[in-house]
Each structure stands twice: as C-alpha cells, then as structure tokens.
C-alpha atoms as a PDB file:
ATOM      1  CA  MET A   1      11.192  10.264  -6.873  1.00  0.00           C
ATOM      2  CA  GLU A   2      11.326  10.429 -10.643  1.00  0.00           C
ATOM      3  CA  LEU A   3      12.685  13.008 -13.072  1.00  0.00           C
ATOM      4  CA  LEU A   4      11.129  13.458 -16.518  1.00  0.00           C
ATOM      5  CA  ASP A   5      12.977  15.636 -19.006  1.00  0.00           C
ATOM      6  CA  ASP A   6      11.457  18.255 -21.305  1.00  0.00           C
ATOM      7  CA  ASN A   7      11.149  15.759 -24.177  1.00  0.00           C
ATOM      8  CA  GLN A   8       9.188  13.308 -22.031  1.00  0.00           C
ATOM      9  CA  MET A   9       6.874  16.087 -20.845  1.00  0.00           C
ATOM     10  CA  ARG A  10       6.369  17.285 -24.438  1.00  0.00           C
ATOM     11  CA  THR A  11       5.540  13.747 -25.573  1.00  0.00           C
ATOM     12  CA  ILE A  12       2.988  13.349 -22.780  1.00  0.00           C
ATOM     13  CA  ASN A  13       1.282  16.538 -24.020  1.00  0.00           C
ATOM     14  CA  ILE A  14       1.390  15.454 -27.674  1.00  0.00           C
ATOM     15  CA  VAL A  15      -0.232  12.085 -27.068  1.00  0.00           C
ATOM     16  CA  LYS A  16      -2.719  13.626 -24.609  1.00  0.00           C
ATOM     17  CA  SER A  17      -2.341  10.670 -22.295  1.00  0.00           C
ATOM     18  CA  THR A  18      -3.284  12.658 -19.194  1.00  0.00           C
ATOM     19  CA  ASN A  19      -6.148  14.959 -18.313  1.00  0.00           C
ATOM     20  CA  ARG A  20      -4.031  18.128 -18.381  1.00  0.00           C
ATOM     21  CA  SER A  21      -1.317  19.969 -20.247  1.00  0.00           C
ATOM     22  CA  TRP A  22       2.116  19.979 -18.622  1.00  0.00           C
ATOM     23  CA  ALA A  23       4.959  22.491 -18.695  1.00  0.00           C
ATOM     24  CA  GLU A  24       7.463  21.132 -21.202  1.00  0.00           C
ATOM     25  CA  GLN A  25      10.477  21.373 -18.949  1.00  0.00           C
ATOM     26  CA  PRO A  26      12.349  18.979 -16.663  1.00  0.00           C
ATOM     27  CA  THR A  27       9.899  17.908 -13.967  1.00  0.00           C
ATOM     28  CA  LEU A  28      10.670  16.163 -10.697  1.00  0.00           C
ATOM     29  CA  PHE A  29       7.935  14.003  -9.163  1.00  0.00           C
ATOM     30  CA  ILE A  30       8.263  13.150  -5.471  1.00  0.00           C
ATOM     31  CA  LYS A  31       5.823  10.988  -3.545  1.00  0.00           C
ATOM     32  CA  PHE A  32       5.693  11.587   0.191  1.00  0.00           C
ATOM     33  CA  ALA A  33       4.431   9.045   2.708  1.00  0.00           C
ATOM     34  CA  GLY A  34       3.862   9.009   6.438  1.00  0.00           C
ATOM     35  CA  THR A  35       1.611  10.786   8.860  1.00  0.00           C
ATOM     36  CA  LYS A  36      -0.272  13.866   7.711  1.00  0.00           C
ATOM     37  CA  ALA A  37       2.076  16.010   9.809  1.00  0.00           C
ATOM     38  CA  ALA A  38       5.194  14.382   8.336  1.00  0.00           C
ATOM     39  CA  VAL A  39       3.908  14.752   4.768  1.00  0.00           C
ATOM     40  CA  ARG A  40       2.988  18.404   5.393  1.00  0.00           C
ATOM     41  CA  GLU A  41       6.461  19.065   6.808  1.00  0.00           C
ATOM     42  CA  ALA A  42       8.132  17.358   3.826  1.00  0.00           C
ATOM     43  CA  ILE A  43       6.012  19.395   1.381  1.00  0.00           C
ATOM     44  CA  ASP A  44       6.994  22.615   3.168  1.00  0.00           C
ATOM     45  CA  ILE A  45      10.698  21.721   3.126  1.00  0.00           C
ATOM     46  CA  VAL A  46      10.748  20.688  -0.539  1.00  0.00           C
ATOM     47  CA  GLY A  47       8.725  23.756  -1.505  1.00  0.00           C
ATOM     48  CA  LYS A  48      11.281  26.014   0.189  1.00  0.00           C
ATOM     49  CA  ILE A  49      14.184  24.193  -1.471  1.00  0.00           C
ATOM     50  CA  ALA A  50      12.507  24.478  -4.876  1.00  0.00           C
ATOM     51  CA  LYS A  51      11.853  28.194  -4.408  1.00  0.00           C
ATOM     52  CA  LYS A  52      15.381  28.892  -3.157  1.00  0.00           C
ATOM     53  CA  ASN A  53      16.827  27.159  -6.230  1.00  0.00           C
ATOM     54  CA  ASN A  54      14.451  28.727  -8.788  1.00  0.00           C
ATOM     55  CA  GLY A  55      12.726  25.398  -9.230  1.00  0.00           C
ATOM     56  CA  GLY A  56       9.685  26.857 -10.924  1.00  0.00           C
ATOM     57  CA  LYS A  57       6.111  25.886 -10.161  1.00  0.00           C
ATOM     58  CA  PHE A  58       5.743  23.591  -7.155  1.00  0.00           C
ATOM     59  CA  GLU A  59       2.536  21.576  -7.008  1.00  0.00           C
ATOM     60  CA  PHE A  60       1.323  19.059  -4.482  1.00  0.00           C
ATOM     61  CA  ALA A  61      -1.837  17.006  -4.174  1.00  0.00           C
ATOM     62  CA  LYS A  62      -4.353  17.938  -1.492  1.00  0.00           C
ATOM     63  CA  ASN A  63      -6.530  14.835  -1.897  1.00  0.00           C
ATOM     64  CA  ALA A  64      -6.594  11.396  -3.561  1.00  0.00           C
ATOM     65  CA  LYS A  65      -7.994  12.669  -6.880  1.00  0.00           C
ATOM     66  CA  GLU A  66      -5.344  15.385  -7.165  1.00  0.00           C
ATOM     67  CA  GLN A  67      -2.705  12.769  -6.327  1.00  0.00           C
ATOM     68  CA  ARG A  68      -3.896  10.508  -9.181  1.00  0.00           C
ATOM     69  CA  ASP A  69      -3.992  13.465 -11.585  1.00  0.00           C
ATOM     70  CA  LEU A  70      -0.554  14.737 -10.598  1.00  0.00           C
ATOM     71  CA  TRP A  71       1.032  11.291 -10.852  1.00  0.00           C
ATOM     72  CA  SER A  72      -0.669  10.448 -14.150  1.00  0.00           C
ATOM     73  CA  ALA A  73       2.242  11.822 -16.214  1.00  0.00           C
ATOM     74  CA  ARG A  74       4.851   9.876 -14.294  1.00  0.00           C
ATOM     75  CA  LYS A  75       2.865   6.674 -14.615  1.00  0.00           C
ATOM     76  CA  VAL A  76       2.256   7.002 -18.349  1.00  0.00           C
ATOM     77  CA  SER A  77       5.717   8.255 -19.343  1.00  0.00           C
ATOM     78  CA  PRO A  78       7.535   4.884 -19.458  1.00  0.00           C
ATOM     79  CA  THR A  79       4.868   3.423 -21.758  1.00  0.00           C
ATOM     80  CA  ILE A  80       5.139   6.128 -24.422  1.00  0.00           C
ATOM     81  CA  GLY A  81       6.758   4.717 -27.520  1.00  0.00           C
ATOM     82  CA  ASP A  82       6.536   1.121 -26.267  1.00  0.00           C
ATOM     83  CA  SER A  83       4.713  -1.295 -28.515  1.00  0.00           C
END
C-alpha cells in the first residue's frame, strides 16, 4: 500500500513519466495478492469501503498489462526530483 499526495500526482503528470494522465489528488495504491478468489474478494471489499467514504474513482487491474500501467505512477514517484 502506498499513498501519493496531490503534489506527487501533479508532478507525475508534468514530467509525463507514465502512459496516462492521473487525477491530481491524493491517491492510494494497494496491491492485492493471493488466489483469484481472494483477490476478487479484496477488490470488492476495498471498492465498497472507498465508495462508502467518498473515495472517488476506484480502479483495479484486470490483467498483467493493466497492472503494470496502474502501478507505473507508484513506481516512478520516488525517482522524481532525484538526481
């Protein structure tokens, strides 16, 4: 689990370090592991919690490519500004 704030998300968009544009708001990334059934159950539970708490858009990866794309922001964020 990793939380990126609105400034980190804005910076990711500015430097165009991923293949998409992100909402410039606090974003929580959660990686689920386990059996397909366990992951599906976890996604359903987290989705309901997010909705109940006005968490905004809830996205999850349906395949390996979507997983890489979705996690690209989290992976690149710590390197922004490092030299």
